[in-house]
């Protein structure tokens, strides 16, 4: 299974990539939404994990791009340090499948990914 992760915090991105690689996922990571949009067609991920606030283009734009111009079926999980209800609701209304607030537990995120992909937990 392939995961595309868009996260601008380089240490967190590295930790996510390493953790999902250990779970036998094929992971592509990038640090902004613009790169994620460019990589989406190349990678053809089974799931996308994105931060909301990133340089150049953020998670909202990535969600919109996937839902409106590409594939309405790819599950999307938003990771964000925001706990503002409007931002959570906006990301879900745009088409995100799940929202995980930072800081989070890696094992919980892995379970959420596996559930969205319909793989064994």
PDB file of N, CA and C in Angstrom:
ATOM      1  N   UNK A   1       0.836  -1.180   0.000  1.00  0.00           N
ATOM      2  CA  UNK A   1       0.000   0.000   0.000  1.00  0.00           C
ATOM      3  C   UNK A   1       0.877   1.237   0.000  1.00  0.00           C
ATOM      4  N   UNK A   2       0.439   2.247  -0.743  1.00  0.00           N
ATOM      5  CA  UNK A   2       1.226   3.468  -0.893  1.00  0.00           C
ATOM      6  C   UNK A   2       0.590   4.637  -0.144  1.00  0.00           C
ATOM      7  N   UNK A   3       1.449   5.381   0.561  1.00  0.00           N
ATOM      8  CA  UNK A   3       1.014   6.549   1.313  1.00  0.00           C
ATOM      9  C   UNK A   3       1.771   7.770   0.800  1.00  0.00           C
ATOM     10  N   UNK A   4       1.047   8.861   0.602  1.00  0.00           N
ATOM     11  CA  UNK A   4       1.649  10.151   0.313  1.00  0.00           C
ATOM     12  C   UNK A   4       1.452  11.015   1.549  1.00  0.00           C
ATOM     13  N   UNK A   5       2.571  11.520   2.114  1.00  0.00           N
ATOM     14  CA  UNK A   5       2.512  12.347   3.312  1.00  0.00           C
ATOM     15  C   UNK A   5       3.022  13.743   2.983  1.00  0.00           C
ATOM     16  N   UNK A   6       2.216  14.754   3.291  1.00  0.00           N
ATOM     17  CA  UNK A   6       2.611  16.153   3.137  1.00  0.00           C
ATOM     18  C   UNK A   6       2.676  16.778   4.526  1.00  0.00           C
ATOM     19  N   UNK A   7       3.885  17.076   4.975  1.00  0.00           N
ATOM     20  CA  UNK A   7       4.117  17.614   6.316  1.00  0.00           C
ATOM     21  C   UNK A   7       5.332  18.520   6.270  1.00  0.00           C
ATOM     22  N   UNK A   8       5.169  19.779   6.670  1.00  0.00           N
ATOM     23  CA  UNK A   8       6.284  20.727   6.557  1.00  0.00           C
ATOM     24  C   UNK A   8       7.306  20.645   7.682  1.00  0.00           C
ATOM     25  N   UNK A   9       6.980  20.005   8.786  1.00  0.00           N
ATOM     26  CA  UNK A   9       7.945  19.817   9.868  1.00  0.00           C
ATOM     27  C   UNK A   9       8.839  18.626   9.513  1.00  0.00           C
ATOM     28  N   UNK A  10      10.090  18.901   9.177  1.00  0.00           N
ATOM     29  CA  UNK A  10      10.973  17.858   8.632  1.00  0.00           C
ATOM     30  C   UNK A  10      11.181  16.678   9.584  1.00  0.00           C
ATOM     31  N   UNK A  11      11.323  16.930  10.875  1.00  0.00           N
ATOM     32  CA  UNK A  11      11.519  15.830  11.822  1.00  0.00           C
ATOM     33  C   UNK A  11      10.278  14.946  11.901  1.00  0.00           C
ATOM     34  N   UNK A  12       9.119  15.567  11.971  1.00  0.00           N
ATOM     35  CA  UNK A  12       7.875  14.793  12.018  1.00  0.00           C
ATOM     36  C   UNK A  12       7.688  14.003  10.726  1.00  0.00           C
ATOM     37  N   UNK A  13       7.999  14.606   9.598  1.00  0.00           N
ATOM     38  CA  UNK A  13       7.889  13.904   8.320  1.00  0.00           C
ATOM     39  C   UNK A  13       8.781  12.670   8.316  1.00  0.00           C
ATOM     40  N   UNK A  14      10.020  12.822   8.768  1.00  0.00           N
ATOM     41  CA  UNK A  14      10.943  11.688   8.811  1.00  0.00           C
ATOM     42  C   UNK A  14      10.420  10.585   9.735  1.00  0.00           C
ATOM     43  N   UNK A  15       9.898  10.970  10.893  1.00  0.00           N
ATOM     44  CA  UNK A  15       9.349   9.985  11.820  1.00  0.00           C
ATOM     45  C   UNK A  15       8.159   9.246  11.207  1.00  0.00           C
ATOM     46  N   UNK A  16       7.278   9.983  10.541  1.00  0.00           N
ATOM     47  CA  UNK A  16       6.120   9.348   9.896  1.00  0.00           C
ATOM     48  C   UNK A  16       6.558   8.377   8.805  1.00  0.00           C
ATOM     49  N   UNK A  17       7.491   8.807   7.968  1.00  0.00           N
ATOM     50  CA  UNK A  17       7.984   7.941   6.892  1.00  0.00           C
ATOM     51  C   UNK A  17       8.602   6.676   7.479  1.00  0.00           C
ATOM     52  N   UNK A  18       9.454   6.829   8.483  1.00  0.00           N
ATOM     53  CA  UNK A  18      10.103   5.668   9.101  1.00  0.00           C
ATOM     54  C   UNK A  18       9.082   4.720   9.730  1.00  0.00           C
ATOM     55  N   UNK A  19       8.133   5.277  10.463  1.00  0.00           N
ATOM     56  CA  UNK A  19       7.133   4.453  11.155  1.00  0.00           C
ATOM     57  C   UNK A  19       6.276   3.669  10.153  1.00  0.00           C
ATOM     58  N   UNK A  20       5.823   4.325   9.088  1.00  0.00           N
ATOM     59  CA  UNK A  20       4.992   3.627   8.104  1.00  0.00           C
ATOM     60  C   UNK A  20       5.807   2.644   7.266  1.00  0.00           C
ATOM     61  N   UNK A  21       7.067   2.956   7.006  1.00  0.00           N
ATOM     62  CA  UNK A  21       7.931   1.990   6.313  1.00  0.00           C
ATOM     63  C   UNK A  21       8.070   0.710   7.132  1.00  0.00           C
ATOM     64  N   UNK A  22       8.206   0.844   8.448  1.00  0.00           N
ATOM     65  CA  UNK A  22       8.304  -0.330   9.326  1.00  0.00           C
ATOM     66  C   UNK A  22       7.020  -1.148   9.340  1.00  0.00           C
ATOM     67  N   UNK A  23       5.923  -0.503   8.972  1.00  0.00           N
ATOM     68  CA  UNK A  23       4.630  -1.204   8.886  1.00  0.00           C
ATOM     69  C   UNK A  23       4.389  -1.742   7.471  1.00  0.00           C
ATOM     70  N   UNK A  24       5.437  -1.740   6.646  1.00  0.00           N
ATOM     71  CA  UNK A  24       5.407  -2.291   5.281  1.00  0.00           C
ATOM     72  C   UNK A  24       4.610  -1.453   4.284  1.00  0.00           C
ATOM     73  N   UNK A  25       4.485  -0.159   4.544  1.00  0.00           N
ATOM     74  CA  UNK A  25       3.882   0.742   3.577  1.00  0.00           C
ATOM     75  C   UNK A  25       4.976   1.320   2.691  1.00  0.00           C
ATOM     76  N   UNK A  26       4.625   1.641   1.461  1.00  0.00           N
ATOM     77  CA  UNK A  26       5.521   2.362   0.566  1.00  0.00           C
ATOM     78  C   UNK A  26       5.180   3.837   0.726  1.00  0.00           C
ATOM     79  N   UNK A  27       6.126   4.623   1.240  1.00  0.00           N
ATOM     80  CA  UNK A  27       5.834   5.994   1.642  1.00  0.00           C
ATOM     81  C   UNK A  27       6.603   7.007   0.798  1.00  0.00           C
ATOM     82  N   UNK A  28       5.883   8.023   0.346  1.00  0.00           N
ATOM     83  CA  UNK A  28       6.492   9.178  -0.310  1.00  0.00           C
ATOM     84  C   UNK A  28       6.143  10.390   0.547  1.00  0.00           C
ATOM     85  N   UNK A  29       7.164  11.144   0.936  1.00  0.00           N
ATOM     86  CA  UNK A  29       6.942  12.313   1.766  1.00  0.00           C
ATOM     87  C   UNK A  29       7.383  13.584   1.070  1.00  0.00           C
ATOM     88  N   UNK A  30       6.726  14.677   1.388  1.00  0.00           N
ATOM     89  CA  UNK A  30       7.110  15.996   0.875  1.00  0.00           C
ATOM     90  C   UNK A  30       6.744  17.031   1.926  1.00  0.00           C
ATOM     91  N   UNK A  31       7.284  18.254   1.759  1.00  0.00           N
ATOM     92  CA  UNK A  31       7.121  19.258   2.800  1.00  0.00           C
ATOM     93  C   UNK A  31       6.180  20.401   2.450  1.00  0.00           C
ATOM     94  N   UNK A  32       5.426  20.269   1.374  1.00  0.00           N
ATOM     95  CA  UNK A  32       4.421  21.293   1.086  1.00  0.00           C
ATOM     96  C   UNK A  32       3.342  20.730   0.167  1.00  0.00           C
ATOM     97  N   UNK A  33       2.222  21.418   0.149  1.00  0.00           N
ATOM     98  CA  UNK A  33       1.076  20.963  -0.634  1.00  0.00           C
ATOM     99  C   UNK A  33       1.307  20.996  -2.129  1.00  0.00           C
ATOM    100  N   UNK A  34       2.096  21.949  -2.601  1.00  0.00           N
ATOM    101  CA  UNK A  34       2.377  22.043  -4.031  1.00  0.00           C
ATOM    102  C   UNK A  34       3.120  20.811  -4.528  1.00  0.00           C
ATOM    103  N   UNK A  35       4.142  20.389  -3.780  1.00  0.00           N
ATOM    104  CA  UNK A  35       4.854  19.160  -4.147  1.00  0.00           C
ATOM    105  C   UNK A  35       3.932  17.944  -4.068  1.00  0.00           C
ATOM    106  N   UNK A  36       3.059  17.925  -3.059  1.00  0.00           N
ATOM    107  CA  UNK A  36       2.125  16.804  -2.915  1.00  0.00           C
ATOM    108  C   UNK A  36       1.184  16.723  -4.110  1.00  0.00           C
ATOM    109  N   UNK A  37       0.703  17.873  -4.577  1.00  0.00           N
ATOM    110  CA  UNK A  37      -0.162  17.884  -5.761  1.00  0.00           C
ATOM    111  C   UNK A  37       0.593  17.337  -6.966  1.00  0.00           C
ATOM    112  N   UNK A  38       1.855  17.759  -7.135  1.00  0.00           N
ATOM    113  CA  UNK A  38       2.674  17.265  -8.248  1.00  0.00           C
ATOM    114  C   UNK A  38       2.942  15.764  -8.130  1.00  0.00           C
ATOM    115  N   UNK A  39       3.170  15.279  -6.903  1.00  0.00           N
ATOM    116  CA  UNK A  39       3.504  13.868  -6.690  1.00  0.00           C
ATOM    117  C   UNK A  39       2.293  12.940  -6.747  1.00  0.00           C
ATOM    118  N   UNK A  40       1.113  13.488  -6.553  1.00  0.00           N
ATOM    119  CA  UNK A  40      -0.088  12.654  -6.458  1.00  0.00           C
ATOM    120  C   UNK A  40      -0.264  11.749  -7.681  1.00  0.00           C
ATOM    121  N   UNK A  41      -0.167  12.318  -8.873  1.00  0.00           N
ATOM    122  CA  UNK A  41      -0.358  11.510 -10.083  1.00  0.00           C
ATOM    123  C   UNK A  41       0.766  10.490 -10.265  1.00  0.00           C
ATOM    124  N   UNK A  42       1.981  10.888  -9.908  1.00  0.00           N
ATOM    125  CA  UNK A  42       3.137   9.999 -10.043  1.00  0.00           C
ATOM    126  C   UNK A  42       3.060   8.820  -9.065  1.00  0.00           C
ATOM    127  N   UNK A  43       2.733   9.106  -7.829  1.00  0.00           N
ATOM    128  CA  UNK A  43       2.724   8.090  -6.776  1.00  0.00           C
ATOM    129  C   UNK A  43       1.474   7.215  -6.835  1.00  0.00           C
ATOM    130  N   UNK A  44       0.343   7.802  -7.176  1.00  0.00           N
ATOM    131  CA  UNK A  44      -0.958   7.127  -7.141  1.00  0.00           C
ATOM    132  C   UNK A  44      -1.162   6.441  -5.788  1.00  0.00           C
ATOM    133  N   UNK A  45      -1.199   7.256  -4.718  1.00  0.00           N
ATOM    134  CA  UNK A  45      -1.279   6.685  -3.371  1.00  0.00           C
ATOM    135  C   UNK A  45      -2.623   6.038  -3.076  1.00  0.00           C
ATOM    136  N   UNK A  46      -2.581   5.098  -2.137  1.00  0.00           N
ATOM    137  CA  UNK A  46      -3.806   4.480  -1.648  1.00  0.00           C
ATOM    138  C   UNK A  46      -4.445   5.334  -0.563  1.00  0.00           C
ATOM    139  N   UNK A  47      -3.618   6.199   0.069  1.00  0.00           N
ATOM    140  CA  UNK A  47      -4.095   7.100   1.113  1.00  0.00           C
ATOM    141  C   UNK A  47      -3.165   8.305   1.175  1.00  0.00           C
ATOM    142  N   UNK A  48      -3.708   9.447   1.591  1.00  0.00           N
ATOM    143  CA  UNK A  48      -2.940  10.684   1.733  1.00  0.00           C
ATOM    144  C   UNK A  48      -3.063  11.163   3.175  1.00  0.00           C
ATOM    145  N   UNK A  49      -1.918  11.568   3.743  1.00  0.00           N
ATOM    146  CA  UNK A  49      -1.892  12.193   5.060  1.00  0.00           C
ATOM    147  C   UNK A  49      -1.323  13.594   4.852  1.00  0.00           C
ATOM    148  N   UNK A  50      -2.037  14.605   5.307  1.00  0.00           N
ATOM    149  CA  UNK A  50      -1.574  15.978   5.064  1.00  0.00           C
ATOM    150  C   UNK A  50      -1.765  16.882   6.269  1.00  0.00           C
ATOM    151  N   UNK A  51      -0.810  17.779   6.435  1.00  0.00           N
ATOM    152  CA  UNK A  51      -0.952  18.887   7.367  1.00  0.00           C
ATOM    153  C   UNK A  51      -1.846  19.916   6.686  1.00  0.00           C
ATOM    154  N   UNK A  52      -2.411  20.839   7.436  1.00  0.00           N
ATOM    155  CA  UNK A  52      -3.222  21.889   6.824  1.00  0.00           C
ATOM    156  C   UNK A  52      -2.388  23.094   6.435  1.00  0.00           C
ATOM    157  N   UNK A  53      -1.504  23.531   7.330  1.00  0.00           N
ATOM    158  CA  UNK A  53      -0.748  24.752   7.096  1.00  0.00           C
ATOM    159  C   UNK A  53       0.685  24.413   6.692  1.00  0.00           C
ATOM    160  N   UNK A  54       0.985  24.652   5.410  1.00  0.00           N
ATOM    161  CA  UNK A  54       2.310  24.387   4.857  1.00  0.00           C
ATOM    162  C   UNK A  54       2.669  25.505   3.895  1.00  0.00           C
ATOM    163  N   UNK A  55       3.962  25.633   3.594  1.00  0.00           N
ATOM    164  CA  UNK A  55       4.351  26.671   2.629  1.00  0.00           C
ATOM    165  C   UNK A  55       3.863  26.370   1.215  1.00  0.00           C
ATOM    166  N   UNK A  56       3.729  27.396   0.417  1.00  0.00           N
ATOM    167  CA  UNK A  56       3.368  27.351  -1.004  1.00  0.00           C
ATOM    168  C   UNK A  56       1.921  26.966  -1.239  1.00  0.00           C
ATOM    169  N   UNK A  57       1.508  25.849  -0.719  1.00  0.00           N
ATOM    170  CA  UNK A  57       0.138  25.385  -0.873  1.00  0.00           C
ATOM    171  C   UNK A  57      -0.146  24.469   0.311  1.00  0.00           C
ATOM    172  N   UNK A  58      -1.298  24.620   0.916  1.00  0.00           N
ATOM    173  CA  UNK A  58      -1.588  23.865   2.130  1.00  0.00           C
ATOM    174  C   UNK A  58      -2.477  22.659   1.904  1.00  0.00           C
ATOM    175  N   UNK A  59      -2.888  22.084   3.018  1.00  0.00           N
ATOM    176  CA  UNK A  59      -3.712  20.891   2.991  1.00  0.00           C
ATOM    177  C   UNK A  59      -5.073  21.096   2.365  1.00  0.00           C
ATOM    178  N   UNK A  60      -5.661  22.281   2.552  1.00  0.00           N
ATOM    179  CA  UNK A  60      -6.962  22.548   1.938  1.00  0.00           C
ATOM    180  C   UNK A  60      -6.878  22.431   0.420  1.00  0.00           C
ATOM    181  N   UNK A  61      -5.829  23.018  -0.145  1.00  0.00           N
ATOM    182  CA  UNK A  61      -5.650  22.971  -1.605  1.00  0.00           C
ATOM    183  C   UNK A  61      -5.417  21.545  -2.081  1.00  0.00           C
ATOM    184  N   UNK A  62      -4.660  20.787  -1.298  1.00  0.00           N
ATOM    185  CA  UNK A  62      -4.403  19.384  -1.654  1.00  0.00           C
ATOM    186  C   UNK A  62      -5.697  18.577  -1.626  1.00  0.00           C
ATOM    187  N   UNK A  63      -6.481  18.745  -0.587  1.00  0.00           N
ATOM    188  CA  UNK A  63      -7.762  18.032  -0.488  1.00  0.00           C
ATOM    189  C   UNK A  63      -8.656  18.410  -1.667  1.00  0.00           C
ATOM    190  N   UNK A  64      -8.766  19.702  -1.932  1.00  0.00           N
ATOM    191  CA  UNK A  64      -9.586  20.171  -3.053  1.00  0.00           C
ATOM    192  C   UNK A  64      -9.108  19.557  -4.362  1.00  0.00           C
ATOM    193  N   UNK A  65      -7.800  19.565  -4.590  1.00  0.00           N
ATOM    194  CA  UNK A  65      -7.230  19.020  -5.822  1.00  0.00           C
ATOM    195  C   UNK A  65      -7.597  17.536  -5.980  1.00  0.00           C
ATOM    196  N   UNK A  66      -7.425  16.780  -4.927  1.00  0.00           N
ATOM    197  CA  UNK A  66      -7.714  15.339  -5.000  1.00  0.00           C
ATOM    198  C   UNK A  66      -9.204  15.104  -5.232  1.00  0.00           C
ATOM    199  N   UNK A  67     -10.042  15.790  -4.494  1.00  0.00           N
ATOM    200  CA  UNK A  67     -11.490  15.543  -4.587  1.00  0.00           C
ATOM    201  C   UNK A  67     -12.115  16.076  -5.873  1.00  0.00           C
ATOM    202  N   UNK A  68     -11.649  17.222  -6.350  1.00  0.00           N
ATOM    203  CA  UNK A  68     -12.319  17.855  -7.486  1.00  0.00           C
ATOM    204  C   UNK A  68     -11.677  17.574  -8.838  1.00  0.00           C
ATOM    205  N   UNK A  69     -10.385  17.320  -8.867  1.00  0.00           N
ATOM    206  CA  UNK A  69      -9.742  17.152 -10.168  1.00  0.00           C
ATOM    207  C   UNK A  69      -9.120  15.775 -10.379  1.00  0.00           C
ATOM    208  N   UNK A  70      -9.056  14.953  -9.359  1.00  0.00           N
ATOM    209  CA  UNK A  70      -8.405  13.650  -9.511  1.00  0.00           C
ATOM    210  C   UNK A  70      -9.329  12.508  -9.116  1.00  0.00           C
ATOM    211  N   UNK A  71      -9.203  12.055  -7.902  1.00  0.00           N
ATOM    212  CA  UNK A  71      -9.876  10.831  -7.469  1.00  0.00           C
ATOM    213  C   UNK A  71     -10.665  11.092  -6.192  1.00  0.00           C
ATOM    214  N   UNK A  72     -11.953  10.979  -6.302  1.00  0.00           N
ATOM    215  CA  UNK A  72     -12.788  11.256  -5.136  1.00  0.00           C
ATOM    216  C   UNK A  72     -12.745  10.129  -4.110  1.00  0.00           C
ATOM    217  N   UNK A  73     -12.077   9.028  -4.404  1.00  0.00           N
ATOM    218  CA  UNK A  73     -12.105   7.868  -3.520  1.00  0.00           C
ATOM    219  C   UNK A  73     -10.894   7.728  -2.605  1.00  0.00           C
ATOM    220  N   UNK A  74      -9.774   8.357  -2.917  1.00  0.00           N
ATOM    221  CA  UNK A  74      -8.571   8.208  -2.107  1.00  0.00           C
ATOM    222  C   UNK A  74      -8.815   8.758  -0.701  1.00  0.00           C
ATOM    223  N   UNK A  75      -8.659   7.923   0.344  1.00  0.00           N
ATOM    224  CA  UNK A  75      -8.848   8.422   1.707  1.00  0.00           C
ATOM    225  C   UNK A  75      -7.804   9.486   2.050  1.00  0.00           C
ATOM    226  N   UNK A  76      -8.227  10.481   2.806  1.00  0.00           N
ATOM    227  CA  UNK A  76      -7.359  11.576   3.220  1.00  0.00           C
ATOM    228  C   UNK A  76      -7.499  11.767   4.727  1.00  0.00           C
ATOM    229  N   UNK A  77      -6.343  11.776   5.409  1.00  0.00           N
ATOM    230  CA  UNK A  77      -6.305  12.077   6.835  1.00  0.00           C
ATOM    231  C   UNK A  77      -5.573  13.403   7.009  1.00  0.00           C
ATOM    232  N   UNK A  78      -6.179  14.309   7.745  1.00  0.00           N
ATOM    233  CA  UNK A  78      -5.559  15.596   8.046  1.00  0.00           C
ATOM    234  C   UNK A  78      -4.890  15.501   9.414  1.00  0.00           C
ATOM    235  N   UNK A  79      -3.625  15.922   9.468  1.00  0.00           N
ATOM    236  CA  UNK A  79      -2.893  16.071  10.729  1.00  0.00           C
ATOM    237  C   UNK A  79      -2.703  17.559  10.942  1.00  0.00           C
ATOM    238  N   UNK A  80      -3.116  18.071  12.080  1.00  0.00           N
ATOM    239  CA  UNK A  80      -2.952  19.500  12.288  1.00  0.00           C
ATOM    240  C   UNK A  80      -2.888  19.832  13.768  1.00  0.00           C
ATOM    241  N   UNK A  81      -2.146  20.865  14.070  1.00  0.00           N
ATOM    242  CA  UNK A  81      -2.069  21.325  15.455  1.00  0.00           C
ATOM    243  C   UNK A  81      -3.226  22.258  15.792  1.00  0.00           C
ATOM    244  N   UNK A  82      -4.002  22.613  14.804  1.00  0.00           N
ATOM    245  CA  UNK A  82      -5.149  23.475  15.059  1.00  0.00           C
ATOM    246  C   UNK A  82      -6.260  22.678  15.722  1.00  0.00           C
ATOM    247  N   UNK A  83      -6.903  23.288  16.678  1.00  0.00           N
ATOM    248  CA  UNK A  83      -8.082  22.660  17.265  1.00  0.00           C
ATOM    249  C   UNK A  83      -9.286  23.590  17.097  1.00  0.00           C
ATOM    250  N   UNK A  84      -9.163  24.478  16.110  1.00  0.00           N
ATOM    251  CA  UNK A  84     -10.244  25.408  15.807  1.00  0.00           C
ATOM    252  C   UNK A  84     -11.328  24.649  15.040  1.00  0.00           C
ATOM    253  N   UNK A  85     -12.508  24.646  15.589  1.00  0.00           N
ATOM    254  CA  UNK A  85     -13.596  23.857  15.012  1.00  0.00           C
ATOM    255  C   UNK A  85     -13.844  24.185  13.549  1.00  0.00           C
ATOM    256  N   UNK A  86     -13.781  25.470  13.170  1.00  0.00           N
ATOM    257  CA  UNK A  86     -14.033  25.860  11.780  1.00  0.00           C
ATOM    258  C   UNK A  86     -13.052  25.187  10.822  1.00  0.00           C
ATOM    259  N   UNK A  87     -11.782  25.092  11.213  1.00  0.00           N
ATOM    260  CA  UNK A  87     -10.777  24.470  10.347  1.00  0.00           C
ATOM    261  C   UNK A  87     -10.993  22.965  10.247  1.00  0.00           C
ATOM    262  N   UNK A  88     -11.366  22.349  11.353  1.00  0.00           N
ATOM    263  CA  UNK A  88     -11.653  20.912  11.337  1.00  0.00           C
ATOM    264  C   UNK A  88     -12.850  20.643  10.435  1.00  0.00           C
ATOM    265  N   UNK A  89     -13.913  21.397  10.635  1.00  0.00           N
ATOM    266  CA  UNK A  89     -15.133  21.222   9.839  1.00  0.00           C
ATOM    267  C   UNK A  89     -14.848  21.506   8.366  1.00  0.00           C
ATOM    268  N   UNK A  90     -14.096  22.565   8.074  1.00  0.00           N
ATOM    269  CA  UNK A  90     -13.774  22.906   6.677  1.00  0.00           C
ATOM    270  C   UNK A  90     -13.023  21.780   5.977  1.00  0.00           C
ATOM    271  N   UNK A  91     -12.057  21.193   6.666  1.00  0.00           N
ATOM    272  CA  UNK A  91     -11.291  20.110   6.027  1.00  0.00           C
ATOM    273  C   UNK A  91     -12.180  18.890   5.784  1.00  0.00           C
ATOM    274  N   UNK A  92     -13.073  18.601   6.705  1.00  0.00           N
ATOM    275  CA  UNK A  92     -13.982  17.465   6.518  1.00  0.00           C
ATOM    276  C   UNK A  92     -15.004  17.766   5.423  1.00  0.00           C
ATOM    277  N   UNK A  93     -15.499  18.999   5.368  1.00  0.00           N
ATOM    278  CA  UNK A  93     -16.445  19.372   4.316  1.00  0.00           C
ATOM    279  C   UNK A  93     -15.798  19.331   2.935  1.00  0.00           C
ATOM    280  N   UNK A  94     -14.514  19.652   2.854  1.00  0.00           N
ATOM    281  CA  UNK A  94     -13.800  19.575   1.570  1.00  0.00           C
ATOM    282  C   UNK A  94     -13.620  18.134   1.100  1.00  0.00           C
ATOM    283  N   UNK A  95     -13.688  17.194   2.043  1.00  0.00           N
ATOM    284  CA  UNK A  95     -13.596  15.802   1.648  1.00  0.00           C
ATOM    285  C   UNK A  95     -12.606  14.958   2.403  1.00  0.00           C
ATOM    286  N   UNK A  96     -11.960  15.507   3.438  1.00  0.00           N
ATOM    287  CA  UNK A  96     -11.075  14.683   4.258  1.00  0.00           C
ATOM    288  C   UNK A  96     -11.906  13.616   4.961  1.00  0.00           C
ATOM    289  N   UNK A  97     -11.323  12.443   5.124  1.00  0.00           N
ATOM    290  CA  UNK A  97     -12.028  11.343   5.779  1.00  0.00           C
ATOM    291  C   UNK A  97     -11.858  11.337   7.292  1.00  0.00           C
ATOM    292  N   UNK A  98     -10.762  11.943   7.754  1.00  0.00           N
ATOM    293  CA  UNK A  98     -10.467  11.903   9.182  1.00  0.00           C
ATOM    294  C   UNK A  98      -9.605  13.109   9.532  1.00  0.00           C
ATOM    295  N   UNK A  99      -9.620  13.474  10.804  1.00  0.00           N
ATOM    296  CA  UNK A  99      -8.827  14.599  11.303  1.00  0.00           C
ATOM    297  C   UNK A  99      -8.156  14.144  12.580  1.00  0.00           C
ATOM    298  N   UNK A 100      -6.828  14.289  12.638  1.00  0.00           N
ATOM    299  CA  UNK A 100      -6.063  13.902  13.815  1.00  0.00           C
ATOM    300  C   UNK A 100      -5.313  15.132  14.307  1.00  0.00           C
ATOM    301  N   UNK A 101      -5.551  15.488  15.556  1.00  0.00           N
ATOM    302  CA  UNK A 101      -4.909  16.671  16.121  1.00  0.00           C
ATOM    303  C   UNK A 101      -3.512  16.340  16.632  1.00  0.00           C
ATOM    304  N   UNK A 102      -2.560  17.240  16.316  1.00  0.00           N
ATOM    305  CA  UNK A 102      -1.203  17.115  16.849  1.00  0.00           C
ATOM    306  C   UNK A 102      -1.198  17.683  18.260  1.00  0.00           C
ATOM    307  N   UNK A 103      -0.435  17.118  19.170  1.00  0.00           N
ATOM    308  CA  UNK A 103       0.364  15.903  19.025  1.00  0.00           C
ATOM    309  C   UNK A 103      -0.546  14.674  19.010  1.00  0.00           C
ATOM    310  N   UNK A 104      -0.076  13.626  18.380  1.00  0.00           N
ATOM    311  CA  UNK A 104      -0.873  12.410  18.242  1.00  0.00           C
ATOM    312  C   UNK A 104      -0.007  11.206  18.584  1.00  0.00           C
ATOM    313  N   UNK A 105      -0.661  10.062  18.698  1.00  0.00           N
ATOM    314  CA  UNK A 105       0.034   8.799  18.965  1.00  0.00           C
ATOM    315  C   UNK A 105       0.208   8.084  17.626  1.00  0.00           C
ATOM    316  N   UNK A 106       1.448   7.684  17.327  1.00  0.00           N
ATOM    317  CA  UNK A 106       1.729   7.039  16.050  1.00  0.00           C
ATOM    318  C   UNK A 106       0.904   5.770  15.869  1.00  0.00           C
ATOM    319  N   UNK A 107       0.785   4.962  16.919  1.00  0.00           N
ATOM    320  CA  UNK A 107       0.031   3.713  16.785  1.00  0.00           C
ATOM    321  C   UNK A 107      -1.442   3.969  16.474  1.00  0.00           C
ATOM    322  N   UNK A 108      -1.996   5.021  17.047  1.00  0.00           N
ATOM    323  CA  UNK A 108      -3.382   5.376  16.739  1.00  0.00           C
ATOM    324  C   UNK A 108      -3.514   5.781  15.274  1.00  0.00           C
ATOM    325  N   UNK A 109      -2.561   6.555  14.774  1.00  0.00           N
ATOM    326  CA  UNK A 109      -2.597   6.973  13.373  1.00  0.00           C
ATOM    327  C   UNK A 109      -2.495   5.762  12.446  1.00  0.00           C
ATOM    328  N   UNK A 110      -1.649   4.829  12.775  1.00  0.00           N
ATOM    329  CA  UNK A 110      -1.503   3.610  11.962  1.00  0.00           C
ATOM    330  C   UNK A 110      -2.814   2.841  11.917  1.00  0.00           C
ATOM    331  N   UNK A 111      -3.482   2.729  13.049  1.00  0.00           N
ATOM    332  CA  UNK A 111      -4.777   2.032  13.085  1.00  0.00           C
ATOM    333  C   UNK A 111      -5.805   2.766  12.233  1.00  0.00           C
ATOM    334  N   UNK A 112      -5.829   4.083  12.304  1.00  0.00           N
ATOM    335  CA  UNK A 112      -6.769   4.864  11.488  1.00  0.00           C
ATOM    336  C   UNK A 112      -6.493   4.653   9.995  1.00  0.00           C
ATOM    337  N   UNK A 113      -5.224   4.639   9.615  1.00  0.00           N
ATOM    338  CA  UNK A 113      -4.850   4.404   8.210  1.00  0.00           C
ATOM    339  C   UNK A 113      -5.314   3.021   7.782  1.00  0.00           C
ATOM    340  N   UNK A 114      -5.014   2.009   8.567  1.00  0.00           N
ATOM    341  CA  UNK A 114      -5.406   0.640   8.210  1.00  0.00           C
ATOM    342  C   UNK A 114      -6.925   0.492   8.117  1.00  0.00           C
ATOM    343  N   UNK A 115      -7.643   1.131   8.995  1.00  0.00           N
ATOM    344  CA  UNK A 115      -9.112   1.053   8.944  1.00  0.00           C
ATOM    345  C   UNK A 115      -9.641   1.698   7.659  1.00  0.00           C
ATOM    346  N   UNK A 116      -9.106   2.870   7.293  1.00  0.00           N
ATOM    347  CA  UNK A 116      -9.562   3.527   6.083  1.00  0.00           C
ATOM    348  C   UNK A 116      -9.221   2.715   4.841  1.00  0.00           C
ATOM    349  N   UNK A 117      -8.122   1.970   4.903  1.00  0.00           N
ATOM    350  CA  UNK A 117      -7.717   1.144   3.765  1.00  0.00           C
ATOM    351  C   UNK A 117      -8.382  -0.226   3.775  1.00  0.00           C
ATOM    352  N   UNK A 118      -9.054  -0.547   4.866  1.00  0.00           N
ATOM    353  CA  UNK A 118      -9.729  -1.845   4.956  1.00  0.00           C
ATOM    354  C   UNK A 118      -8.763  -2.993   5.133  1.00  0.00           C
ATOM    355  N   UNK A 119      -7.586  -2.709   5.709  1.00  0.00           N
ATOM    356  CA  UNK A 119      -6.622  -3.778   5.974  1.00  0.00           C
ATOM    357  C   UNK A 119      -6.718  -4.187   7.428  1.00  0.00           C
ATOM    358  N   UNK A 120      -6.133  -5.304   7.759  1.00  0.00           N
ATOM    359  CA  UNK A 120      -6.227  -5.804   9.130  1.00  0.00           C
ATOM    360  C   UNK A 120      -5.490  -4.891  10.091  1.00  0.00           C
ATOM    361  N   UNK A 121      -6.070  -4.727  11.269  1.00  0.00           N
ATOM    362  CA  UNK A 121      -5.511  -3.822  12.274  1.00  0.00           C
ATOM    363  C   UNK A 121      -4.627  -4.581  13.221  1.00  0.00           C
TER     364      UNK A 121
END
